[in-house]
Amino acid sequence: MTSTTYSVTGMTCEHCVRSVTEEVGEIDGVTGVAVDLPTGAVTVSSAAPLDEARVRVAVEEAGYELAAG
């Protein structure tokens, strides 16, 4: 199991948190998503390391942006 934290910009409310959680949670292999709204940190747990591009697409589908690493 692996865990990676990403920085997401544009989230301002609980609806934002739900949207990001749902989209990222649909990526194959993801076992958990934890969002810290005040900091914009999104921690993704998965069975194996994820391709950051897949996470970026999911975050963008939710209407937000993955901050540059």
N, C-alpha and C. Protein backbone atom coordinates (compact mmCIF):
# COMPACT_ATOMS: atom_id res chain seq x y z
N MET A 1 0.85 -1.18 0.00
CA MET A 1 0.00 0.00 0.00
C MET A 1 0.89 1.24 0.00
N THR A 2 0.46 2.24 -0.75
CA THR A 2 1.22 3.48 -0.84
C THR A 2 0.29 4.66 -0.59
N SER A 3 0.88 5.76 -0.17
CA SER A 3 0.10 6.96 0.10
C SER A 3 0.88 8.16 -0.43
N THR A 4 0.19 9.02 -1.19
CA THR A 4 0.82 10.20 -1.76
C THR A 4 -0.07 11.41 -1.49
N THR A 5 0.55 12.53 -1.15
CA THR A 5 -0.21 13.76 -0.89
C THR A 5 0.03 14.74 -2.03
N TYR A 6 -1.06 15.27 -2.55
CA TYR A 6 -1.04 16.25 -3.63
C TYR A 6 -1.61 17.56 -3.11
N SER A 7 -1.25 18.65 -3.74
CA SER A 7 -1.80 19.96 -3.40
C SER A 7 -2.80 20.36 -4.49
N VAL A 8 -4.04 20.63 -4.06
CA VAL A 8 -5.10 20.98 -5.00
C VAL A 8 -5.54 22.41 -4.73
N THR A 9 -5.64 23.21 -5.78
CA THR A 9 -6.06 24.60 -5.62
C THR A 9 -7.50 24.78 -6.07
N GLY A 10 -8.17 25.75 -5.46
CA GLY A 10 -9.52 26.11 -5.86
C GLY A 10 -10.63 25.56 -4.99
N MET A 11 -10.31 24.67 -4.06
CA MET A 11 -11.35 24.12 -3.19
C MET A 11 -11.69 25.13 -2.09
N THR A 12 -13.00 25.35 -1.89
CA THR A 12 -13.41 26.34 -0.89
C THR A 12 -14.47 25.84 0.09
N CYS A 13 -15.06 24.66 -0.18
CA CYS A 13 -16.17 24.21 0.66
C CYS A 13 -16.25 22.69 0.68
N GLU A 14 -17.21 22.19 1.46
CA GLU A 14 -17.39 20.74 1.56
C GLU A 14 -17.83 20.12 0.24
N HIS A 15 -18.55 20.86 -0.58
CA HIS A 15 -18.93 20.34 -1.90
C HIS A 15 -17.68 20.08 -2.72
N CYS A 16 -16.70 20.98 -2.62
CA CYS A 16 -15.43 20.80 -3.33
C CYS A 16 -14.76 19.51 -2.87
N VAL A 17 -14.75 19.31 -1.57
CA VAL A 17 -14.13 18.11 -0.98
C VAL A 17 -14.80 16.86 -1.53
N ARG A 18 -16.12 16.84 -1.56
CA ARG A 18 -16.86 15.67 -2.07
C ARG A 18 -16.55 15.42 -3.54
N SER A 19 -16.51 16.49 -4.33
CA SER A 19 -16.25 16.33 -5.76
C SER A 19 -14.88 15.72 -6.02
N VAL A 20 -13.86 16.25 -5.34
CA VAL A 20 -12.50 15.74 -5.52
C VAL A 20 -12.41 14.31 -5.01
N THR A 21 -13.01 14.04 -3.86
CA THR A 21 -12.97 12.69 -3.28
C THR A 21 -13.60 11.68 -4.23
N GLU A 22 -14.75 12.03 -4.80
CA GLU A 22 -15.44 11.11 -5.71
C GLU A 22 -14.63 10.85 -6.98
N GLU A 23 -14.14 11.90 -7.61
CA GLU A 23 -13.40 11.74 -8.87
C GLU A 23 -12.10 10.96 -8.67
N VAL A 24 -11.32 11.33 -7.66
CA VAL A 24 -10.05 10.64 -7.41
C VAL A 24 -10.31 9.21 -6.96
N GLY A 25 -11.37 9.02 -6.19
CA GLY A 25 -11.71 7.68 -5.70
C GLY A 25 -12.08 6.70 -6.80
N GLU A 26 -12.42 7.21 -7.98
CA GLU A 26 -12.79 6.34 -9.11
C GLU A 26 -11.58 5.81 -9.88
N ILE A 27 -10.38 6.30 -9.57
CA ILE A 27 -9.18 5.81 -10.25
C ILE A 27 -8.93 4.36 -9.80
N ASP A 28 -8.66 3.50 -10.77
CA ASP A 28 -8.37 2.10 -10.45
C ASP A 28 -7.21 2.00 -9.46
N GLY A 29 -7.40 1.22 -8.41
CA GLY A 29 -6.34 0.99 -7.43
C GLY A 29 -6.41 1.89 -6.22
N VAL A 30 -7.21 2.97 -6.28
CA VAL A 30 -7.31 3.88 -5.14
C VAL A 30 -8.12 3.21 -4.04
N THR A 31 -7.58 3.23 -2.82
CA THR A 31 -8.26 2.61 -1.69
C THR A 31 -8.78 3.64 -0.69
N GLY A 32 -8.33 4.90 -0.82
CA GLY A 32 -8.81 5.93 0.07
C GLY A 32 -8.38 7.31 -0.37
N VAL A 33 -9.21 8.31 -0.04
CA VAL A 33 -8.91 9.70 -0.37
C VAL A 33 -9.24 10.54 0.86
N ALA A 34 -8.28 11.33 1.32
CA ALA A 34 -8.50 12.22 2.47
C ALA A 34 -8.16 13.64 2.03
N VAL A 35 -9.11 14.55 2.20
CA VAL A 35 -8.92 15.94 1.79
C VAL A 35 -8.88 16.84 3.02
N ASP A 36 -7.85 17.68 3.08
CA ASP A 36 -7.75 18.69 4.14
C ASP A 36 -8.08 20.03 3.48
N LEU A 37 -9.32 20.47 3.65
CA LEU A 37 -9.79 21.67 2.97
C LEU A 37 -8.95 22.92 3.26
N PRO A 38 -8.61 23.21 4.53
CA PRO A 38 -7.86 24.45 4.80
C PRO A 38 -6.50 24.52 4.08
N THR A 39 -5.83 23.38 3.90
CA THR A 39 -4.50 23.40 3.27
C THR A 39 -4.54 23.01 1.80
N GLY A 40 -5.63 22.40 1.35
CA GLY A 40 -5.72 21.93 -0.03
C GLY A 40 -4.99 20.62 -0.25
N ALA A 41 -4.56 19.98 0.83
CA ALA A 41 -3.84 18.71 0.70
C ALA A 41 -4.82 17.57 0.46
N VAL A 42 -4.51 16.76 -0.55
CA VAL A 42 -5.31 15.58 -0.87
C VAL A 42 -4.39 14.37 -0.78
N THR A 43 -4.63 13.52 0.20
CA THR A 43 -3.82 12.33 0.38
C THR A 43 -4.55 11.14 -0.22
N VAL A 44 -3.88 10.47 -1.15
CA VAL A 44 -4.48 9.36 -1.88
C VAL A 44 -3.75 8.07 -1.48
N SER A 45 -4.52 7.11 -0.99
CA SER A 45 -3.97 5.79 -0.66
C SER A 45 -4.31 4.85 -1.81
N SER A 46 -3.36 4.00 -2.16
CA SER A 46 -3.60 3.08 -3.27
C SER A 46 -2.80 1.81 -3.07
N ALA A 47 -3.22 0.78 -3.80
CA ALA A 47 -2.56 -0.52 -3.71
C ALA A 47 -1.15 -0.45 -4.29
N ALA A 48 -0.95 0.39 -5.30
CA ALA A 48 0.34 0.56 -5.95
C ALA A 48 0.50 2.04 -6.29
N PRO A 49 1.72 2.49 -6.55
CA PRO A 49 1.92 3.90 -6.91
C PRO A 49 1.05 4.28 -8.12
N LEU A 50 0.49 5.49 -8.08
CA LEU A 50 -0.36 5.98 -9.16
C LEU A 50 0.41 6.90 -10.08
N ASP A 51 -0.02 6.95 -11.32
CA ASP A 51 0.53 7.89 -12.29
C ASP A 51 -0.07 9.26 -11.94
N GLU A 52 0.79 10.24 -11.69
CA GLU A 52 0.29 11.57 -11.31
C GLU A 52 -0.63 12.15 -12.37
N ALA A 53 -0.41 11.82 -13.62
CA ALA A 53 -1.26 12.34 -14.70
C ALA A 53 -2.71 11.88 -14.51
N ARG A 54 -2.91 10.67 -14.03
CA ARG A 54 -4.27 10.17 -13.80
C ARG A 54 -4.94 10.94 -12.67
N VAL A 55 -4.16 11.26 -11.63
CA VAL A 55 -4.69 12.03 -10.51
C VAL A 55 -5.03 13.44 -10.99
N ARG A 56 -4.15 14.02 -11.80
CA ARG A 56 -4.38 15.37 -12.33
C ARG A 56 -5.68 15.42 -13.14
N VAL A 57 -5.91 14.44 -14.00
CA VAL A 57 -7.12 14.40 -14.81
C VAL A 57 -8.35 14.30 -13.91
N ALA A 58 -8.31 13.47 -12.89
CA ALA A 58 -9.45 13.31 -11.99
C ALA A 58 -9.74 14.61 -11.26
N VAL A 59 -8.71 15.29 -10.79
CA VAL A 59 -8.89 16.56 -10.08
C VAL A 59 -9.49 17.59 -11.03
N GLU A 60 -9.01 17.62 -12.27
CA GLU A 60 -9.54 18.56 -13.26
C GLU A 60 -10.99 18.24 -13.61
N GLU A 61 -11.33 16.95 -13.67
CA GLU A 61 -12.72 16.55 -13.91
C GLU A 61 -13.64 17.08 -12.82
N ALA A 62 -13.11 17.16 -11.60
CA ALA A 62 -13.89 17.67 -10.47
C ALA A 62 -14.00 19.19 -10.52
N GLY A 63 -13.18 19.83 -11.38
CA GLY A 63 -13.24 21.28 -11.53
C GLY A 63 -12.16 22.05 -10.80
N TYR A 64 -11.08 21.35 -10.41
CA TYR A 64 -10.02 21.99 -9.64
C TYR A 64 -8.69 21.73 -10.32
N GLU A 65 -7.61 22.18 -9.70
CA GLU A 65 -6.30 22.07 -10.34
C GLU A 65 -5.29 21.49 -9.38
N LEU A 66 -4.51 20.56 -9.89
CA LEU A 66 -3.40 20.00 -9.11
C LEU A 66 -2.25 20.99 -9.18
N ALA A 67 -1.77 21.46 -8.05
CA ALA A 67 -0.69 22.43 -8.03
C ALA A 67 0.59 21.77 -8.52
N ALA A 68 1.43 22.55 -9.15
CA ALA A 68 2.71 22.03 -9.64
C ALA A 68 3.53 21.51 -8.48
N GLY A 69 4.12 20.34 -8.66
CA GLY A 69 4.89 19.69 -7.61
C GLY A 69 6.17 20.39 -7.40
